[in-house]
Amino acid sequence: GSVGAGGLQLGLPGPTAASALMVVHFGKRCLEVMLLHRYSGRTDRGTPTMIGVFYALTALLICACGDQTRGNGGSAPGAALFCVGLAGNFYHHYLLAALRSGGGGTRKYVPPRGGMFS
């Protein structure tokens, strides 16, 4: 586990390839929220709080179990698959954002098209 101030064992997972990929994913999500997403309304505080807690717990679980692939050669293919998934996820978020920007302010549902939506 990680060592905190004064040598106190915190019981948190140490750095792994999985934790590095989680940081990359989180960074991508933050950039999407700031630069790409178009929001049509407001939400209560509970919904984003629940989502944030879920993401934090999932990230902790992935980071804690992420070093299980050491020595079996799964790191390079796994990282490549992660990058393909990240790029695909970004592309589909871009398609959804493009639907919102071209909507002219209407609230009418428009089914997404393109990519894996088609």
Foldseek 3Di string as FASTA:
>chain_A
DDADPPRHDPPAADDDPLLVLLVVLVVLVVCCVVPFADDLDDDDPVVVVVVVVVSVVVSRVCRNCVVVCPPVPCPVVVVVVSVVVSVLVVVVSNQVSVCVVPVPSDPDDDQGDDDPSD
